[in-house]
N, C-alpha and C. Protein backbone atom coordinates (compact mmCIF):
# COMPACT_ATOMS: atom_id res chain seq x y z
N MET A 1 49.28 2.32 33.97
CA MET A 1 49.75 2.16 32.35
C MET A 1 48.46 0.90 31.72
N LYS A 2 47.78 0.71 30.98
CA LYS A 2 47.42 -0.34 30.78
C LYS A 2 47.41 -0.67 29.15
N ILE A 3 48.50 -1.88 28.70
CA ILE A 3 48.40 -2.21 27.66
C ILE A 3 46.91 -2.90 27.17
N CYS A 4 46.72 -2.21 25.67
CA CYS A 4 45.66 -3.29 25.31
C CYS A 4 45.70 -3.28 23.70
N GLY A 5 44.60 -3.51 23.30
CA GLY A 5 44.89 -3.98 21.61
C GLY A 5 45.96 -5.01 21.44
N PRO A 6 46.50 -4.36 20.13
CA PRO A 6 47.39 -5.09 19.76
C PRO A 6 48.72 -5.36 20.06
N VAL A 7 49.20 -3.99 20.92
CA VAL A 7 50.07 -3.72 21.37
C VAL A 7 50.91 -5.15 22.29
N LEU A 8 50.26 -5.50 23.00
CA LEU A 8 50.48 -6.75 24.14
C LEU A 8 50.93 -8.30 23.49
N PRO A 9 50.30 -8.62 22.03
CA PRO A 9 50.21 -9.58 21.09
C PRO A 9 51.23 -9.23 20.67
N CYS A 10 52.32 -8.32 19.82
CA CYS A 10 53.32 -8.25 19.41
C CYS A 10 54.27 -7.99 20.43
N MET A 11 54.27 -7.77 21.14
CA MET A 11 55.01 -7.51 22.57
C MET A 11 55.65 -8.68 22.59
N VAL A 12 54.62 -9.82 23.16
CA VAL A 12 54.69 -11.44 23.42
C VAL A 12 55.59 -11.88 22.20
N VAL A 13 55.39 -11.84 20.70
CA VAL A 13 55.72 -12.11 19.88
C VAL A 13 57.03 -11.79 19.45
N CYS A 14 57.34 -11.02 19.74
CA CYS A 14 58.83 -10.30 19.82
C CYS A 14 59.30 -10.60 20.75
N CYS A 15 59.18 -10.65 22.23
CA CYS A 15 60.48 -11.11 23.00
C CYS A 15 60.66 -13.06 22.55
N ALA A 16 59.14 -13.54 22.56
CA ALA A 16 59.33 -15.12 22.25
C ALA A 16 60.33 -15.27 20.91
N THR A 17 60.41 -14.47 20.07
CA THR A 17 61.62 -14.70 18.46
C THR A 17 62.65 -14.50 18.97
N LEU A 18 62.95 -13.20 20.15
CA LEU A 18 64.38 -12.57 20.53
C LEU A 18 65.07 -13.71 20.98
N ILE A 19 63.83 -14.60 22.40
CA ILE A 19 64.72 -15.68 22.91
C ILE A 19 65.11 -17.00 22.09
N THR A 20 64.19 -17.67 20.71
CA THR A 20 64.18 -18.64 20.29
C THR A 20 65.19 -18.25 19.17
N ALA A 21 65.76 -16.90 18.55
CA ALA A 21 65.99 -16.62 17.81
C ALA A 21 67.69 -17.21 18.17
N CYS A 22 67.83 -17.33 19.82
CA CYS A 22 69.29 -17.70 20.30
C CYS A 22 69.61 -18.57 20.48
N SER A 23 68.75 -19.94 20.09
CA SER A 23 69.65 -20.98 20.11
C SER A 23 70.00 -21.61 18.75
N VAL A 24 71.09 -22.58 19.24
CA VAL A 24 71.88 -23.07 18.27
C VAL A 24 71.62 -24.51 17.91
N THR A 25 71.81 -24.93 16.77
CA THR A 25 71.61 -26.22 16.41
C THR A 25 73.27 -26.98 15.48
N TYR A 26 74.04 -27.95 16.01
CA TYR A 26 74.74 -28.31 14.89
C TYR A 26 74.69 -30.19 14.88
N GLY A 27 75.18 -30.43 13.55
CA GLY A 27 75.11 -32.08 13.54
C GLY A 27 73.83 -31.94 12.80
N ASN A 28 73.96 -33.38 12.42
CA ASN A 28 72.95 -34.44 12.06
C ASN A 28 71.36 -34.39 13.52
N LYS A 29 70.36 -33.97 13.11
CA LYS A 29 69.35 -34.33 13.65
C LYS A 29 68.89 -35.64 14.02
N SER A 30 68.97 -36.80 13.54
CA SER A 30 68.52 -37.58 13.38
C SER A 30 69.56 -38.77 14.55
N VAL A 31 70.74 -37.91 14.95
CA VAL A 31 71.50 -38.73 15.48
C VAL A 31 70.86 -38.74 17.57
N ALA A 32 69.79 -37.70 17.08
CA ALA A 32 68.54 -37.65 18.84
C ALA A 32 67.90 -38.13 18.79
N SER A 33 67.56 -39.28 17.38
CA SER A 33 66.51 -40.25 17.12
C SER A 33 66.50 -41.91 17.57
N PRO A 34 65.95 -41.94 19.00
CA PRO A 34 66.26 -43.55 18.84
C PRO A 34 65.90 -44.89 17.52
N ALA A 35 64.79 -43.87 17.20
CA ALA A 35 64.17 -45.01 15.96
C ALA A 35 65.09 -45.00 14.93
N ALA A 36 65.67 -44.17 14.45
CA ALA A 36 66.81 -43.93 13.76
C ALA A 36 68.20 -44.89 14.04
N TYR A 37 68.93 -44.33 14.78
CA TYR A 37 69.68 -45.80 15.02
C TYR A 37 69.39 -46.81 15.34
N GLY A 38 68.32 -46.95 16.22
CA GLY A 38 67.87 -48.27 16.73
C GLY A 38 67.70 -49.27 15.23
N ALA A 39 67.33 -48.40 14.46
CA ALA A 39 67.07 -49.32 13.18
C ALA A 39 68.52 -50.30 12.62
N LEU A 40 69.45 -50.09 13.00
CA LEU A 40 70.67 -50.54 12.76
C LEU A 40 71.30 -51.28 13.45
N VAL A 41 70.98 -52.45 12.91
CA VAL A 41 71.41 -53.99 13.56
C VAL A 41 72.63 -54.42 13.37
N PRO A 42 73.60 -54.65 14.29
CA PRO A 42 75.45 -55.11 14.51
C PRO A 42 74.94 -56.45 14.02
N GLY A 43 76.59 -56.90 12.84
CA GLY A 43 75.83 -57.91 12.13
C GLY A 43 75.34 -57.99 10.77
N LYS A 44 74.50 -57.15 10.62
CA LYS A 44 73.49 -56.67 9.51
C LYS A 44 74.08 -55.79 8.32
N SER A 45 74.07 -54.56 9.45
CA SER A 45 73.88 -53.30 9.12
C SER A 45 75.77 -52.91 7.97
N SER A 46 75.58 -52.44 7.39
CA SER A 46 76.96 -51.96 6.10
C SER A 46 77.01 -50.44 6.68
N LYS A 47 78.41 -50.33 6.03
CA LYS A 47 78.59 -48.62 6.40
C LYS A 47 77.42 -48.06 5.21
N ALA A 48 77.30 -48.44 3.97
CA ALA A 48 76.23 -47.53 3.30
C ALA A 48 74.69 -47.59 4.05
N ASP A 49 74.75 -48.62 5.21
CA ASP A 49 73.19 -48.73 5.55
C ASP A 49 73.04 -47.86 6.52
N VAL A 50 74.44 -47.48 7.15
CA VAL A 50 74.55 -46.33 8.42
C VAL A 50 74.34 -45.13 7.77
N TYR A 51 75.18 -44.92 6.73
CA TYR A 51 75.54 -43.59 5.55
C TYR A 51 73.45 -43.31 5.68
N ASP A 52 72.73 -44.42 5.10
CA ASP A 52 71.62 -43.99 4.51
C ASP A 52 70.55 -43.57 5.77
N VAL A 53 70.61 -44.22 6.80
CA VAL A 53 70.37 -43.71 7.85
C VAL A 53 70.50 -42.71 8.78
N LEU A 54 71.67 -42.37 9.27
CA LEU A 54 72.17 -41.20 9.75
C LEU A 54 72.84 -40.35 9.16
N GLY A 55 73.50 -40.36 7.73
CA GLY A 55 74.28 -39.19 7.08
C GLY A 55 75.42 -39.80 6.82
N GLN A 56 76.35 -38.51 6.67
CA GLN A 56 77.38 -38.23 7.04
C GLN A 56 77.96 -38.74 8.23
N PRO A 57 79.17 -39.37 8.34
CA PRO A 57 79.47 -38.71 9.95
C PRO A 57 80.32 -37.57 10.26
N SER A 58 80.94 -37.30 11.30
CA SER A 58 81.55 -36.05 12.08
C SER A 58 83.00 -36.50 12.05
N ASP A 59 83.04 -37.56 12.36
CA ASP A 59 84.52 -38.42 11.95
C ASP A 59 84.44 -39.65 11.82
N ALA A 60 85.65 -40.12 11.28
CA ALA A 60 85.96 -41.58 10.93
C ALA A 60 87.30 -42.09 11.08
N VAL A 61 87.70 -43.14 12.17
CA VAL A 61 88.79 -43.55 12.57
C VAL A 61 89.03 -44.84 12.27
N THR A 62 90.13 -44.86 11.54
CA THR A 62 90.49 -46.27 11.02
C THR A 62 91.05 -46.85 12.36
N MET A 63 90.82 -48.13 12.95
CA MET A 63 91.98 -48.75 13.68
C MET A 63 92.29 -50.08 13.25
N LYS A 64 92.58 -50.93 14.31
CA LYS A 64 93.64 -52.14 14.03
C LYS A 64 92.38 -53.05 13.68
N ASN A 65 91.07 -53.21 14.36
CA ASN A 65 90.41 -54.30 14.00
C ASN A 65 88.90 -53.91 13.02
N GLY A 66 89.26 -52.49 12.78
CA GLY A 66 88.14 -51.86 12.00
C GLY A 66 87.78 -50.18 11.80
N THR A 67 86.73 -49.71 11.58
CA THR A 67 86.59 -47.97 11.58
C THR A 67 85.42 -47.62 12.82
N LEU A 68 85.67 -46.29 13.00
CA LEU A 68 84.32 -45.86 14.01
C LEU A 68 84.20 -45.09 13.04
N TRP A 69 82.71 -44.51 13.42
CA TRP A 69 81.99 -43.59 12.78
C TRP A 69 81.29 -42.59 14.01
N THR A 70 81.56 -41.75 14.25
CA THR A 70 81.26 -40.48 15.24
C THR A 70 80.02 -40.20 14.49
N TYR A 71 78.75 -39.40 15.16
CA TYR A 71 78.03 -38.53 14.87
C TYR A 71 77.82 -37.78 15.99
N ARG A 72 77.58 -36.55 15.86
CA ARG A 72 76.81 -36.12 16.79
C ARG A 72 75.98 -34.84 16.54
N TYR A 73 74.99 -34.36 17.56
CA TYR A 73 74.16 -33.37 17.38
C TYR A 73 73.40 -32.61 18.65
N ARG A 74 74.02 -31.48 18.95
CA ARG A 74 73.83 -30.18 19.60
C ARG A 74 72.90 -29.48 19.79
N LYS A 75 72.23 -29.74 20.45
CA LYS A 75 70.95 -28.33 20.33
C LYS A 75 71.30 -27.43 22.02
N ALA A 76 71.33 -26.41 21.72
CA ALA A 76 71.31 -25.15 22.74
C ALA A 76 70.88 -23.91 22.23
N LYS A 77 70.21 -23.34 24.02
CA LYS A 77 70.11 -22.10 23.67
C LYS A 77 71.02 -21.27 24.96
N ASN A 78 71.02 -19.93 24.48
CA ASN A 78 71.90 -19.16 25.01
C ASN A 78 70.95 -19.22 27.08
N ASN A 79 71.96 -19.17 27.82
CA ASN A 79 71.40 -18.85 29.20
C ASN A 79 70.88 -17.40 29.20
N PHE A 80 70.12 -17.05 30.50
CA PHE A 80 69.59 -15.45 30.41
C PHE A 80 70.75 -14.32 30.13
N LEU A 81 72.10 -14.08 30.71
CA LEU A 81 72.69 -13.71 30.54
C LEU A 81 73.39 -13.26 29.50
N GLY A 82 73.07 -14.44 28.34
CA GLY A 82 73.36 -14.49 26.88
C GLY A 82 72.23 -13.50 25.73
N ASN A 83 71.01 -13.78 26.43
CA ASN A 83 70.17 -12.91 25.91
C ASN A 83 70.47 -11.11 26.12
N ILE A 84 71.55 -10.95 27.04
CA ILE A 84 71.19 -9.39 27.32
C ILE A 84 72.09 -8.54 25.84
N PRO A 85 71.36 -7.76 25.45
CA PRO A 85 72.01 -7.26 24.29
C PRO A 85 73.11 -6.18 24.81
N LEU A 86 73.94 -5.98 25.40
CA LEU A 86 74.89 -5.40 25.85
C LEU A 86 76.84 -5.81 25.14
N PHE A 87 76.90 -5.33 24.46
CA PHE A 87 78.30 -6.09 23.87
C PHE A 87 79.25 -6.33 25.14
N GLY A 88 79.85 -7.25 25.62
CA GLY A 88 80.43 -7.48 26.98
C GLY A 88 79.80 -8.54 27.54
N VAL A 89 78.58 -8.09 27.84
CA VAL A 89 78.09 -8.89 29.24
C VAL A 89 77.52 -10.42 28.57
N ASN A 90 77.36 -10.49 27.50
CA ASN A 90 76.69 -11.73 27.05
C ASN A 90 78.29 -12.44 26.81
N LEU A 91 79.04 -11.43 25.76
CA LEU A 91 80.47 -12.53 25.80
C LEU A 91 81.26 -13.14 26.70
N ILE A 92 81.29 -12.16 27.86
CA ILE A 92 82.08 -12.52 29.19
C ILE A 92 80.90 -13.26 29.88
N ALA A 93 79.73 -13.34 30.11
CA ALA A 93 79.10 -14.05 31.60
C ALA A 93 78.00 -14.87 30.91
N GLY A 94 77.79 -14.66 29.00
CA GLY A 94 76.68 -15.32 28.49
C GLY A 94 77.34 -16.65 27.94
N GLY A 95 76.27 -17.50 27.58
CA GLY A 95 76.97 -19.14 27.24
C GLY A 95 75.45 -19.89 26.74
N LYS A 96 75.80 -21.17 26.99
CA LYS A 96 74.81 -21.79 26.38
C LYS A 96 74.76 -23.32 26.72
N ASN A 97 73.29 -23.61 27.08
CA ASN A 97 73.03 -24.80 27.39
C ASN A 97 72.59 -25.40 26.94
N GLY A 98 72.72 -26.70 26.97
CA GLY A 98 72.09 -27.58 26.18
C GLY A 98 72.29 -29.16 26.00
N ASP A 99 71.72 -30.12 25.16
CA ASP A 99 72.29 -31.40 24.90
C ASP A 99 73.31 -31.61 24.22
N VAL A 100 74.10 -32.79 24.37
CA VAL A 100 74.63 -33.08 22.70
C VAL A 100 74.78 -34.26 22.88
N TYR A 101 74.35 -35.25 21.77
CA TYR A 101 73.64 -36.42 21.34
C TYR A 101 74.76 -37.10 20.44
N THR A 102 75.47 -38.37 20.85
CA THR A 102 76.39 -39.00 20.28
C THR A 102 76.24 -40.16 19.90
N VAL A 103 76.38 -40.74 18.42
CA VAL A 103 75.92 -41.91 18.25
C VAL A 103 77.54 -42.47 17.54
N LEU A 104 78.17 -43.75 18.09
CA LEU A 104 79.21 -44.43 17.78
C LEU A 104 78.50 -45.46 17.30
N ALA A 105 79.63 -45.84 16.04
CA ALA A 105 79.42 -46.96 14.90
C ALA A 105 80.60 -47.84 14.57
N LEU A 106 80.77 -48.70 15.30
CA LEU A 106 82.24 -49.71 14.90
C LEU A 106 82.01 -50.62 13.75
N PHE A 107 82.62 -50.75 13.05
CA PHE A 107 82.45 -51.63 11.50
C PHE A 107 83.88 -52.56 11.95
N ASP A 108 83.43 -53.29 11.31
CA ASP A 108 84.80 -54.79 11.51
C ASP A 108 85.31 -54.43 10.48
N ARG A 109 86.36 -55.04 10.08
CA ARG A 109 87.38 -54.85 8.94
C ARG A 109 86.26 -54.99 7.26
N GLN A 110 85.59 -55.85 6.94
CA GLN A 110 84.14 -55.98 5.93
C GLN A 110 83.12 -54.69 6.30
N GLY A 111 83.31 -54.33 6.44
CA GLY A 111 82.41 -53.23 6.79
C GLY A 111 81.04 -53.13 7.19
N VAL A 112 80.60 -54.21 8.34
CA VAL A 112 79.56 -54.62 8.27
C VAL A 112 79.66 -54.18 10.29
N LEU A 113 78.96 -53.50 10.71
CA LEU A 113 78.88 -53.10 11.57
C LEU A 113 78.61 -53.93 12.93
N ALA A 114 79.67 -53.86 13.51
CA ALA A 114 79.81 -54.53 14.58
C ALA A 114 79.25 -54.10 16.13
N SER A 115 78.94 -53.11 16.47
CA SER A 115 78.31 -52.39 17.31
C SER A 115 77.89 -51.16 17.40
N ARG A 116 77.35 -50.26 18.16
CA ARG A 116 76.54 -48.81 18.06
C ARG A 116 76.01 -48.43 19.65
N SER A 117 76.54 -47.15 20.01
CA SER A 117 76.09 -46.93 20.88
C SER A 117 75.71 -45.66 20.82
N ALA A 118 74.91 -45.17 22.31
CA ALA A 118 74.23 -43.77 21.79
C ALA A 118 74.01 -43.37 23.08
N ALA A 119 74.51 -41.71 23.39
CA ALA A 119 74.62 -41.11 24.74
C ALA A 119 74.14 -40.19 24.22
N ARG A 120 73.34 -39.43 25.79
CA ARG A 120 73.10 -37.78 25.55
C ARG A 120 73.91 -37.46 27.21
N GLN A 121 74.13 -36.16 26.73
CA GLN A 121 74.70 -35.35 28.26
C GLN A 121 74.08 -33.86 28.25
N LYS A 122 73.99 -33.42 29.02
CA LYS A 122 74.01 -31.74 29.48
C LYS A 122 75.28 -31.18 28.88
N LEU A 123 75.38 -30.01 28.38
CA LEU A 123 76.62 -29.38 28.46
C LEU A 123 76.50 -27.82 28.21
N TYR A 124 77.35 -27.19 29.15
CA TYR A 124 77.21 -25.64 29.14
C TYR A 124 78.66 -25.06 28.42
N THR A 125 78.19 -24.34 27.51
CA THR A 125 79.68 -23.39 26.75
C THR A 125 79.72 -22.10 26.74
N SER A 126 80.65 -21.65 27.44
CA SER A 126 80.90 -20.28 27.87
C SER A 126 80.85 -19.73 26.54
N ASN A 127 80.29 -18.23 25.93
CA ASN A 127 80.21 -17.93 24.82
C ASN A 127 82.01 -16.90 24.60
N LEU A 128 82.70 -17.10 25.75
CA LEU A 128 84.33 -16.45 25.40
C LEU A 128 85.07 -17.08 25.57
N ALA A 129 84.73 -18.45 25.50
CA ALA A 129 85.47 -20.36 25.33
C ALA A 129 85.39 -20.03 24.09
N SER A 130 83.96 -20.13 23.40
CA SER A 130 83.38 -19.91 22.39
C SER A 130 84.29 -20.11 20.97
N LEU A 131 84.81 -18.14 21.53
CA LEU A 131 85.14 -17.47 20.43
C LEU A 131 87.02 -17.94 20.74
N LYS A 132 87.33 -18.05 21.72
CA LYS A 132 88.86 -18.29 21.76
C LYS A 132 88.70 -19.53 20.87
N ARG A 133 87.79 -21.04 21.06
CA ARG A 133 87.93 -22.21 20.16
C ARG A 133 87.93 -21.95 18.89
N SER A 134 87.11 -20.80 18.48
CA SER A 134 86.86 -20.70 16.80
C SER A 134 88.08 -19.68 16.09
N LEU A 135 88.87 -19.25 17.04
CA LEU A 135 89.95 -18.60 16.70
C LEU A 135 91.11 -19.65 16.24
N ASP A 136 91.18 -20.44 17.35
CA ASP A 136 92.28 -21.37 17.32
C ASP A 136 91.85 -22.27 16.33
N GLY A 137 90.43 -22.56 15.79
CA GLY A 137 90.04 -23.14 15.05
C GLY A 137 90.50 -23.17 13.64
N MET A 138 90.64 -21.65 13.59
CA MET A 138 91.25 -21.16 12.17
C MET A 138 92.36 -21.69 12.01
N LEU A 139 93.54 -22.04 12.76
CA LEU A 139 95.28 -22.35 12.38
C LEU A 139 95.18 -23.91 12.51
N GLU A 140 94.19 -24.58 12.55
CA GLU A 140 93.62 -26.02 13.10
C GLU A 140 93.91 -26.89 11.35
N ASP A 141 94.39 -28.08 11.33
CA ASP A 141 94.06 -28.92 10.06
C ASP A 141 92.78 -29.09 10.01
N ASN A 142 92.47 -30.07 8.84
CA ASN A 142 91.01 -30.67 8.85
C ASN A 142 90.75 -32.18 8.62
N SER A 143 92.21 -32.81 9.69
CA SER A 143 92.35 -34.15 9.16
C SER A 143 90.88 -34.68 9.47
N SER A 144 89.80 -34.46 10.32
CA SER A 144 88.83 -35.17 10.30
C SER A 144 88.03 -35.21 8.78
N HIS A 145 87.82 -34.13 8.25
CA HIS A 145 87.38 -34.22 7.32
C HIS A 145 88.12 -34.89 5.58
N GLN A 146 89.36 -34.82 6.13
CA GLN A 146 90.10 -36.02 5.27
C GLN A 146 89.20 -36.99 5.24
N ARG A 147 89.37 -37.81 6.55
CA ARG A 147 88.79 -39.02 6.81
C ARG A 147 87.59 -39.47 6.34
N VAL A 148 86.69 -38.28 6.76
CA VAL A 148 85.38 -38.75 6.80
C VAL A 148 85.14 -38.60 4.94
N GLU A 149 86.22 -37.59 4.37
CA GLU A 149 86.22 -37.87 2.86
C GLU A 149 86.78 -39.20 2.29
N MET A 150 87.79 -39.89 2.37
CA MET A 150 87.99 -41.02 1.82
C MET A 150 87.21 -42.34 2.62
N GLU A 151 86.23 -42.11 3.97
CA GLU A 151 85.45 -43.17 4.07
C GLU A 151 84.28 -43.32 3.10
N MET A 152 83.99 -41.45 2.49
CA MET A 152 82.67 -41.55 1.92
C MET A 152 83.22 -41.91 0.44
N LYS A 153 84.08 -42.01 -0.09
CA LYS A 153 84.99 -42.50 -1.46
C LYS A 153 84.81 -43.79 -1.27
N LYS A 154 85.33 -44.83 -0.13
CA LYS A 154 85.00 -45.85 -0.51
C LYS A 154 83.80 -46.70 -0.43
N ILE A 155 82.85 -46.23 0.12
CA ILE A 155 81.50 -46.87 0.33
C ILE A 155 80.08 -46.23 -0.92
N GLY A 156 81.51 -45.39 -1.73
CA GLY A 156 80.28 -44.74 -2.69
C GLY A 156 79.40 -43.71 -2.31
N ARG A 157 79.53 -43.06 -1.43
CA ARG A 157 78.46 -41.77 -1.12
C ARG A 157 79.36 -40.19 -1.14
N PRO A 158 78.34 -39.60 -1.49
CA PRO A 158 79.07 -37.92 -1.39
C PRO A 158 79.72 -37.53 -0.23
N PHE A 159 80.58 -36.83 -0.35
CA PHE A 159 80.85 -36.35 0.58
C PHE A 159 80.83 -34.76 0.76
N ASP A 160 79.67 -34.30 1.83
CA ASP A 160 79.07 -33.01 1.71
C ASP A 160 80.50 -31.93 2.75
N PRO A 161 81.38 -31.00 2.17
CA PRO A 161 81.56 -30.44 2.97
C PRO A 161 80.99 -29.46 3.90
N SER A 162 80.08 -28.99 3.63
CA SER A 162 79.08 -28.12 4.25
C SER A 162 78.67 -28.84 5.79
N ALA A 163 78.59 -30.10 5.46
CA ALA A 163 77.78 -30.71 6.87
C ALA A 163 79.60 -30.86 7.58
N ALA A 164 80.87 -31.15 7.00
CA ALA A 164 81.51 -31.74 7.62
C ALA A 164 82.20 -30.10 8.47
N LYS A 165 82.14 -28.56 7.92
CA LYS A 165 82.46 -27.84 8.86
C LYS A 165 81.15 -27.83 9.80
N ASP A 166 80.14 -27.75 9.64
CA ASP A 166 79.31 -28.17 10.70
C ASP A 166 79.56 -29.11 11.93
N ALA A 167 80.20 -30.01 11.29
CA ALA A 167 80.97 -31.23 12.06
C ALA A 167 81.82 -30.58 13.15
N ASP A 168 82.64 -29.56 12.36
CA ASP A 168 84.14 -29.27 13.10
C ASP A 168 83.55 -28.11 14.15
N LEU A 169 82.49 -27.33 13.99
CA LEU A 169 82.03 -26.30 14.58
C LEU A 169 81.74 -27.19 16.09
N LEU A 170 80.61 -28.18 15.85
CA LEU A 170 79.97 -29.26 17.34
C LEU A 170 81.38 -29.76 17.61
N GLU A 171 82.33 -29.88 16.78
CA GLU A 171 83.40 -30.67 18.07
C GLU A 171 84.29 -29.59 18.79
N LYS A 172 84.11 -28.39 18.11
CA LYS A 172 84.88 -27.55 18.63
C LYS A 172 84.19 -26.68 19.85
N SER A 173 83.10 -26.49 20.03
CA SER A 173 82.34 -26.79 21.19
C SER A 173 82.12 -27.45 22.29
N LEU A 174 82.52 -28.80 22.42
CA LEU A 174 82.74 -29.43 23.16
C LEU A 174 83.64 -29.73 23.85
N ASP A 175 85.00 -29.32 22.98
CA ASP A 175 86.51 -29.07 24.07
C ASP A 175 86.26 -28.82 25.12
């Protein structure tokens, strides 16, 4: 059987669309850009400067010597089994392979960037484990949201609840 005419290109486009539709991203894409966080200068950049470059952090933890802001970005695609459209197969055997980018910004007590670090790691997440974490997450508090909201108020920047929810989904996928 010979496939010709517009049928073959349509099949290729449909298959490519199905495969790419099974990818996910969470977090702030600028975290994956060395040019973005590279512009932040320890000893000079303020919290407002970091916010202007990287946006709202996914978490902000106050410590004895200052405050630590955490930024994350995840880009992942379903593995082969995750693309099988049979209920159960992709839930049990499927998962996502991808990269997680993390930028940590440590500020001194005056709100000046003391240090920054960046890392990238490969991560596989099982669909079944992700489902369990999502269900468990419905019962958890939102203390990271509250910490970030307080930090945004301190520096006079807006708090985005949608970005906080996105960051929470990303954190749950890393457990």
